[in-house]
Amino acid sequence: MDGLELRRELHEYIDIGDSQFLKTLHKTAKNYIEQKRLDRMIAEGEEDIKEGRLHSQSDVQKMIEDWTKEK
């Protein structure tokens, strides 16, 4: 089943689904999208580590101090 067929079938389910079905589908979709976002962030972090784009603990503490200073 290709993407277009899946979309049509899901739309049919949404059209006939009751409130509980819609809430469950919404929660599932939301969790899936959030997990994909987190997976991308982890992959980016791993790439940063591999490329040596790191900050020491003292560098991070200095950054935080700079952010919180009154201007």
PDB file of N, CA and C in Angstrom:
ATOM      1  N   MET A   1       0.861  -1.176   0.000  1.00  0.00           N
ATOM      2  CA  MET A   1       0.000   0.000   0.000  1.00  0.00           C
ATOM      3  C   MET A   1       0.904   1.235   0.000  1.00  0.00           C
ATOM      4  N   ASP A   2       0.697   2.124  -0.951  1.00  0.00           N
ATOM      5  CA  ASP A   2       1.533   3.317  -1.020  1.00  0.00           C
ATOM      6  C   ASP A   2       0.995   4.418  -0.099  1.00  0.00           C
ATOM      7  N   GLY A   3       1.724   5.510  -0.032  1.00  0.00           N
ATOM      8  CA  GLY A   3       1.371   6.597   0.869  1.00  0.00           C
ATOM      9  C   GLY A   3      -0.008   7.180   0.631  1.00  0.00           C
ATOM     10  N   LEU A   4      -0.369   7.350  -0.616  1.00  0.00           N
ATOM     11  CA  LEU A   4      -1.672   7.925  -0.935  1.00  0.00           C
ATOM     12  C   LEU A   4      -2.811   7.005  -0.473  1.00  0.00           C
ATOM     13  N   GLU A   5      -2.646   5.714  -0.709  1.00  0.00           N
ATOM     14  CA  GLU A   5      -3.673   4.757  -0.272  1.00  0.00           C
ATOM     15  C   GLU A   5      -3.790   4.735   1.257  1.00  0.00           C
ATOM     16  N   LEU A   6      -2.646   4.810   1.928  1.00  0.00           N
ATOM     17  CA  LEU A   6      -2.664   4.848   3.396  1.00  0.00           C
ATOM     18  C   LEU A   6      -3.395   6.091   3.903  1.00  0.00           C
ATOM     19  N   ARG A   7      -3.122   7.224   3.292  1.00  0.00           N
ATOM     20  CA  ARG A   7      -3.783   8.469   3.693  1.00  0.00           C
ATOM     21  C   ARG A   7      -5.296   8.359   3.519  1.00  0.00           C
ATOM     22  N   ARG A   8      -5.719   7.837   2.388  1.00  0.00           N
ATOM     23  CA  ARG A   8      -7.158   7.700   2.137  1.00  0.00           C
ATOM     24  C   ARG A   8      -7.804   6.782   3.180  1.00  0.00           C
ATOM     25  N   GLU A   9      -7.134   5.656   3.456  1.00  0.00           N
ATOM     26  CA  GLU A   9      -7.697   4.720   4.423  1.00  0.00           C
ATOM     27  C   GLU A   9      -7.740   5.334   5.825  1.00  0.00           C
ATOM     28  N   LEU A  10      -6.699   6.038   6.192  1.00  0.00           N
ATOM     29  CA  LEU A  10      -6.699   6.703   7.499  1.00  0.00           C
ATOM     30  C   LEU A  10      -7.800   7.755   7.576  1.00  0.00           C
ATOM     31  N   HIS A  11      -7.998   8.504   6.507  1.00  0.00           N
ATOM     32  CA  HIS A  11      -9.072   9.497   6.494  1.00  0.00           C
ATOM     33  C   HIS A  11     -10.434   8.829   6.671  1.00  0.00           C
ATOM     34  N   GLU A  12     -10.605   7.670   6.063  1.00  0.00           N
ATOM     35  CA  GLU A  12     -11.860   6.936   6.240  1.00  0.00           C
ATOM     36  C   GLU A  12     -12.046   6.541   7.706  1.00  0.00           C
ATOM     37  N   TYR A  13     -10.981   6.049   8.312  1.00  0.00           N
ATOM     38  CA  TYR A  13     -11.066   5.676   9.731  1.00  0.00           C
ATOM     39  C   TYR A  13     -11.388   6.889  10.601  1.00  0.00           C
ATOM     40  N   ILE A  14     -10.762   8.007  10.292  1.00  0.00           N
ATOM     41  CA  ILE A  14     -11.016   9.235  11.049  1.00  0.00           C
ATOM     42  C   ILE A  14     -12.469   9.672  10.889  1.00  0.00           C
ATOM     43  N   ASP A  15     -12.982   9.578   9.686  1.00  0.00           N
ATOM     44  CA  ASP A  15     -14.361   9.989   9.421  1.00  0.00           C
ATOM     45  C   ASP A  15     -15.385   9.146  10.177  1.00  0.00           C
ATOM     46  N   ILE A  16     -15.096   7.863  10.374  1.00  0.00           N
ATOM     47  CA  ILE A  16     -16.072   6.999  11.041  1.00  0.00           C
ATOM     48  C   ILE A  16     -15.743   6.724  12.510  1.00  0.00           C
ATOM     49  N   GLY A  17     -14.549   7.133  12.948  1.00  0.00           N
ATOM     50  CA  GLY A  17     -14.115   6.828  14.307  1.00  0.00           C
ATOM     51  C   GLY A  17     -14.872   7.619  15.357  1.00  0.00           C
ATOM     52  N   ASP A  18     -15.043   6.985  16.511  1.00  0.00           N
ATOM     53  CA  ASP A  18     -15.674   7.685  17.626  1.00  0.00           C
ATOM     54  C   ASP A  18     -14.632   8.527  18.360  1.00  0.00           C
ATOM     55  N   SER A  19     -15.058   9.215  19.394  1.00  0.00           N
ATOM     56  CA  SER A  19     -14.199  10.128  20.128  1.00  0.00           C
ATOM     57  C   SER A  19     -12.989   9.400  20.725  1.00  0.00           C
ATOM     58  N   GLN A  20     -13.204   8.228  21.289  1.00  0.00           N
ATOM     59  CA  GLN A  20     -12.102   7.475  21.892  1.00  0.00           C
ATOM     60  C   GLN A  20     -11.074   7.066  20.839  1.00  0.00           C
ATOM     61  N   PHE A  21     -11.550   6.632  19.677  1.00  0.00           N
ATOM     62  CA  PHE A  21     -10.635   6.278  18.584  1.00  0.00           C
ATOM     63  C   PHE A  21      -9.802   7.491  18.183  1.00  0.00           C
ATOM     64  N   LEU A  22     -10.449   8.646  18.031  1.00  0.00           N
ATOM     65  CA  LEU A  22      -9.739   9.854  17.611  1.00  0.00           C
ATOM     66  C   LEU A  22      -8.703  10.271  18.645  1.00  0.00           C
ATOM     67  N   LYS A  23      -9.055  10.190  19.918  1.00  0.00           N
ATOM     68  CA  LYS A  23      -8.101  10.541  20.977  1.00  0.00           C
ATOM     69  C   LYS A  23      -6.899   9.598  20.960  1.00  0.00           C
ATOM     70  N   THR A  24      -7.156   8.312  20.774  1.00  0.00           N
ATOM     71  CA  THR A  24      -6.079   7.328  20.734  1.00  0.00           C
ATOM     72  C   THR A  24      -5.179   7.542  19.521  1.00  0.00           C
ATOM     73  N   LEU A  25      -5.796   7.768  18.368  1.00  0.00           N
ATOM     74  CA  LEU A  25      -5.021   8.013  17.154  1.00  0.00           C
ATOM     75  C   LEU A  25      -4.193   9.290  17.292  1.00  0.00           C
ATOM     76  N   HIS A  26      -4.788  10.324  17.850  1.00  0.00           N
ATOM     77  CA  HIS A  26      -4.079  11.591  18.045  1.00  0.00           C
ATOM     78  C   HIS A  26      -2.877  11.397  18.965  1.00  0.00           C
ATOM     79  N   LYS A  27      -3.087  10.709  20.079  1.00  0.00           N
ATOM     80  CA  LYS A  27      -2.000  10.476  21.034  1.00  0.00           C
ATOM     81  C   LYS A  27      -0.885   9.662  20.389  1.00  0.00           C
ATOM     82  N   THR A  28      -1.253   8.643  19.626  1.00  0.00           N
ATOM     83  CA  THR A  28      -0.261   7.810  18.949  1.00  0.00           C
ATOM     84  C   THR A  28       0.537   8.621  17.935  1.00  0.00           C
ATOM     85  N   ALA A  29      -0.150   9.409  17.122  1.00  0.00           N
ATOM     86  CA  ALA A  29       0.526  10.229  16.113  1.00  0.00           C
ATOM     87  C   ALA A  29       1.435  11.259  16.769  1.00  0.00           C
ATOM     88  N   LYS A  30       0.949  11.895  17.820  1.00  0.00           N
ATOM     89  CA  LYS A  30       1.736  12.911  18.523  1.00  0.00           C
ATOM     90  C   LYS A  30       2.998  12.298  19.127  1.00  0.00           C
ATOM     91  N   ASN A  31       2.858  11.129  19.751  1.00  0.00           N
ATOM     92  CA  ASN A  31       4.017  10.445  20.335  1.00  0.00           C
ATOM     93  C   ASN A  31       5.022  10.044  19.266  1.00  0.00           C
ATOM     94  N   TYR A  32       4.522   9.579  18.130  1.00  0.00           N
ATOM     95  CA  TYR A  32       5.400   9.176  17.032  1.00  0.00           C
ATOM     96  C   TYR A  32       6.210  10.365  16.521  1.00  0.00           C
ATOM     97  N   ILE A  33       5.538  11.489  16.292  1.00  0.00           N
ATOM     98  CA  ILE A  33       6.220  12.691  15.788  1.00  0.00           C
ATOM     99  C   ILE A  33       7.249  13.182  16.799  1.00  0.00           C
ATOM    100  N   GLU A  34       6.899  13.177  18.074  1.00  0.00           N
ATOM    101  CA  GLU A  34       7.834  13.614  19.114  1.00  0.00           C
ATOM    102  C   GLU A  34       9.047  12.686  19.168  1.00  0.00           C
ATOM    103  N   GLN A  35       8.841  11.386  19.061  1.00  0.00           N
ATOM    104  CA  GLN A  35       9.961  10.445  19.088  1.00  0.00           C
ATOM    105  C   GLN A  35      10.877  10.663  17.883  1.00  0.00           C
ATOM    106  N   LYS A  36      10.302  10.939  16.703  1.00  0.00           N
ATOM    107  CA  LYS A  36      11.125  11.221  15.526  1.00  0.00           C
ATOM    108  C   LYS A  36      11.966  12.476  15.744  1.00  0.00           C
ATOM    109  N   ARG A  37      11.373  13.495  16.401  1.00  0.00           N
ATOM    110  CA  ARG A  37      12.107  14.733  16.700  1.00  0.00           C
ATOM    111  C   ARG A  37      13.277  14.440  17.638  1.00  0.00           C
ATOM    112  N   LEU A  38      13.011  13.650  18.676  1.00  0.00           N
ATOM    113  CA  LEU A  38      14.069  13.305  19.622  1.00  0.00           C
ATOM    114  C   LEU A  38      15.160  12.466  18.959  1.00  0.00           C
ATOM    115  N   ASP A  39      14.771  11.543  18.098  1.00  0.00           N
ATOM    116  CA  ASP A  39      15.748  10.734  17.364  1.00  0.00           C
ATOM    117  C   ASP A  39      16.665  11.608  16.514  1.00  0.00           C
ATOM    118  N   ARG A  40      16.082  12.636  15.861  1.00  0.00           N
ATOM    119  CA  ARG A  40      16.898  13.562  15.057  1.00  0.00           C
ATOM    120  C   ARG A  40      17.870  14.327  15.943  1.00  0.00           C
ATOM    121  N   MET A  41      17.412  14.767  17.107  1.00  0.00           N
ATOM    122  CA  MET A  41      18.279  15.509  18.017  1.00  0.00           C
ATOM    123  C   MET A  41      19.440  14.634  18.495  1.00  0.00           C
ATOM    124  N   ILE A  42      19.153  13.377  18.807  1.00  0.00           N
ATOM    125  CA  ILE A  42      20.205  12.455  19.235  1.00  0.00           C
ATOM    126  C   ILE A  42      21.210  12.239  18.114  1.00  0.00           C
ATOM    127  N   ALA A  43      20.720  12.029  16.905  1.00  0.00           N
ATOM    128  CA  ALA A  43      21.619  11.830  15.760  1.00  0.00           C
ATOM    129  C   ALA A  43      22.497  13.061  15.540  1.00  0.00           C
ATOM    130  N   GLU A  44      21.914  14.239  15.669  1.00  0.00           N
ATOM    131  CA  GLU A  44      22.707  15.471  15.520  1.00  0.00           C
ATOM    132  C   GLU A  44      23.760  15.561  16.608  1.00  0.00           C
ATOM    133  N   GLY A  45      23.398  15.213  17.837  1.00  0.00           N
ATOM    134  CA  GLY A  45      24.357  15.231  18.937  1.00  0.00           C
ATOM    135  C   GLY A  45      25.488  14.246  18.724  1.00  0.00           C
ATOM    136  N   GLU A  46      25.158  13.056  18.236  1.00  0.00           N
ATOM    137  CA  GLU A  46      26.191  12.058  17.950  1.00  0.00           C
ATOM    138  C   GLU A  46      27.124  12.541  16.848  1.00  0.00           C
ATOM    139  N   GLU A  47      26.568  13.215  15.853  1.00  0.00           N
ATOM    140  CA  GLU A  47      27.394  13.774  14.775  1.00  0.00           C
ATOM    141  C   GLU A  47      28.307  14.872  15.326  1.00  0.00           C
ATOM    142  N   ASP A  48      27.786  15.727  16.201  1.00  0.00           N
ATOM    143  CA  ASP A  48      28.614  16.757  16.830  1.00  0.00           C
ATOM    144  C   ASP A  48      29.782  16.127  17.590  1.00  0.00           C
ATOM    145  N   ILE A  49      29.500  15.065  18.329  1.00  0.00           N
ATOM    146  CA  ILE A  49      30.554  14.381  19.085  1.00  0.00           C
ATOM    147  C   ILE A  49      31.601  13.822  18.131  1.00  0.00           C
ATOM    148  N   LYS A  50      31.141  13.167  17.070  1.00  0.00           N
ATOM    149  CA  LYS A  50      32.062  12.568  16.098  1.00  0.00           C
ATOM    150  C   LYS A  50      32.957  13.627  15.452  1.00  0.00           C
ATOM    151  N   GLU A  51      32.387  14.812  15.211  1.00  0.00           N
ATOM    152  CA  GLU A  51      33.133  15.891  14.557  1.00  0.00           C
ATOM    153  C   GLU A  51      33.913  16.754  15.549  1.00  0.00           C
ATOM    154  N   GLY A  52      33.815  16.424  16.841  1.00  0.00           N
ATOM    155  CA  GLY A  52      34.586  17.162  17.838  1.00  0.00           C
ATOM    156  C   GLY A  52      33.974  18.478  18.261  1.00  0.00           C
ATOM    157  N   ARG A  53      32.712  18.689  17.949  1.00  0.00           N
ATOM    158  CA  ARG A  53      32.034  19.926  18.355  1.00  0.00           C
ATOM    159  C   ARG A  53      31.497  19.729  19.775  1.00  0.00           C
ATOM    160  N   LEU A  54      32.395  19.959  20.732  1.00  0.00           N
ATOM    161  CA  LEU A  54      32.080  19.700  22.135  1.00  0.00           C
ATOM    162  C   LEU A  54      32.388  20.933  22.980  1.00  0.00           C
ATOM    163  N   HIS A  55      31.810  20.973  24.178  1.00  0.00           N
ATOM    164  CA  HIS A  55      32.102  22.021  25.151  1.00  0.00           C
ATOM    165  C   HIS A  55      32.436  21.344  26.470  1.00  0.00           C
ATOM    166  N   SER A  56      33.464  21.837  27.130  1.00  0.00           N
ATOM    167  CA  SER A  56      33.817  21.303  28.448  1.00  0.00           C
ATOM    168  C   SER A  56      32.816  21.816  29.488  1.00  0.00           C
ATOM    169  N   GLN A  57      32.843  21.196  30.647  1.00  0.00           N
ATOM    170  CA  GLN A  57      31.952  21.620  31.735  1.00  0.00           C
ATOM    171  C   GLN A  57      32.215  23.078  32.099  1.00  0.00           C
ATOM    172  N   SER A  58      33.475  23.471  32.154  1.00  0.00           N
ATOM    173  CA  SER A  58      33.793  24.867  32.505  1.00  0.00           C
ATOM    174  C   SER A  58      33.320  25.833  31.409  1.00  0.00           C
ATOM    175  N   ASP A  59      33.423  25.421  30.139  1.00  0.00           N
ATOM    176  CA  ASP A  59      32.897  26.261  29.047  1.00  0.00           C
ATOM    177  C   ASP A  59      31.394  26.476  29.206  1.00  0.00           C
ATOM    178  N   VAL A  60      30.681  25.411  29.525  1.00  0.00           N
ATOM    179  CA  VAL A  60      29.227  25.492  29.677  1.00  0.00           C
ATOM    180  C   VAL A  60      28.877  26.373  30.876  1.00  0.00           C
ATOM    181  N   GLN A  61      29.597  26.217  31.976  1.00  0.00           N
ATOM    182  CA  GLN A  61      29.333  27.059  33.145  1.00  0.00           C
ATOM    183  C   GLN A  61      29.550  28.529  32.812  1.00  0.00           C
ATOM    184  N   LYS A  62      30.597  28.827  32.047  1.00  0.00           N
ATOM    185  CA  LYS A  62      30.870  30.212  31.642  1.00  0.00           C
ATOM    186  C   LYS A  62      29.745  30.732  30.745  1.00  0.00           C
ATOM    187  N   MET A  63      29.250  29.900  29.816  1.00  0.00           N
ATOM    188  CA  MET A  63      28.146  30.308  28.957  1.00  0.00           C
ATOM    189  C   MET A  63      26.912  30.653  29.790  1.00  0.00           C
ATOM    190  N   ILE A  64      26.613  29.816  30.768  1.00  0.00           N
ATOM    191  CA  ILE A  64      25.442  30.038  31.618  1.00  0.00           C
ATOM    192  C   ILE A  64      25.608  31.325  32.412  1.00  0.00           C
ATOM    193  N   GLU A  65      26.794  31.547  32.948  1.00  0.00           N
ATOM    194  CA  GLU A  65      27.049  32.788  33.690  1.00  0.00           C
ATOM    195  C   GLU A  65      26.850  34.003  32.788  1.00  0.00           C
ATOM    196  N   ASP A  66      27.337  33.919  31.557  1.00  0.00           N
ATOM    197  CA  ASP A  66      27.184  35.029  30.615  1.00  0.00           C
ATOM    198  C   ASP A  66      25.711  35.278  30.290  1.00  0.00           C
ATOM    199  N   TRP A  67      24.921  34.214  30.160  1.00  0.00           N
ATOM    200  CA  TRP A  67      23.494  34.358  29.856  1.00  0.00           C
ATOM    201  C   TRP A  67      22.738  35.012  30.994  1.00  0.00           C
ATOM    202  N   THR A  68      23.156  34.699  32.229  1.00  0.00           N
ATOM    203  CA  THR A  68      22.382  35.152  33.386  1.00  0.00           C
ATOM    204  C   THR A  68      22.867  36.482  33.963  1.00  0.00           C
ATOM    205  N   LYS A  69      23.950  37.030  33.417  1.00  0.00           N
ATOM    206  CA  LYS A  69      24.439  38.322  33.888  1.00  0.00           C
ATOM    207  C   LYS A  69      23.435  39.411  33.518  1.00  0.00           C
ATOM    208  N   GLU A  70      23.313  40.369  34.411  1.00  0.00           N
ATOM    209  CA  GLU A  70      22.470  41.535  34.098  1.00  0.00           C
ATOM    210  C   GLU A  70      23.214  42.411  33.104  1.00  0.00           C
ATOM    211  N   LYS A  71      22.460  42.962  32.197  1.00  0.00           N
ATOM    212  CA  LYS A  71      23.086  43.818  31.188  1.00  0.00           C
ATOM    213  C   LYS A  71      22.724  45.248  31.434  1.00  0.00           C
TER     214      LYS A  71
END
